[in-house]
């Protein structure tokens, strides 16, 4: 699902191929696959993400006319002509994605999979800089598809196991994933493990098959308001998609432009700080030596005179 980097040449991501991504979503949702979970990797971290999807025709047929006009006929009237608060949308169809990669290196540990680079003198610096930048990115950047777990609410709210991380579901440590299916309870437990054998999972979440299939609503998280789906529907229609296609959105809503620019600006400032820091420290270390050398030279010159 993810759309992470502003420069399109920095990473491989679905955002570069919107039509292919739409066909992929369409294939999964049209085939009525039960309890789909998308599995991905090669991002050097672990994440649990979620999209909420509705069919275009369901959104159009749910339009309710507002007091200032409008038609409940699926026409292309402006959004302001419809009372979005009174829209009654059908249950959304979730698409969960679990990405886990980093058994040899990750953003929070080693920057290279080759063991000879793990013990270089500059390795701790690279570890600290990459972890701080990625941690700031996850906290500030409006990546609204990232799942937020509230494990203090219990398993009924889609939370993970005791000891697993609450809040935004990402981990920068070395990790690998595991899915445990309970066929009697018709539920799946997702776990992301670290390298400590006796430690609790880094991330964990539990869903029922009915929740993953869209039969029962997901619980424990914010629900998209109808207006957001309506706006997405108009953007979707503007791109000349069919009404039989699906509209998929980040489950916590679409981020604003101001949020995106501000978050990436903060991450860029931190990135530049880590680049400049070695040179600044080197200069500060050399400055006392230069000062002592100049003082000694001036004293020698005075003695000669």
Foldseek 3Di string as FASTA:
>chain_A
DDDADPPPPPDDDCVVPVVVVLVVVQVVVVVLDFLDEAEAEDQQKKFKFKKWKDFLLQLLQQFAADPVADDNPSDLDDPVRTDLQPGDGAFTAMYMYIYADAQQGHLQAFPDSDVVRRPDPCGVLSNVLSVVLVVLLVVQAPRLRFDFADPVVPQVQFHFDPQEDGGGGMGGAHWDKDWDADVVQQKIKIFIDHPDPPHGGNGITMDHSCCNSRNDPRGNDDADRSSLVNVQSSVVVVVVDDSRGMRMDRRRGDDDPVSNVVSVVVSVVSNVCSVCVVVVVVCVVCVVVVVVVVVVVVVVVVVVD
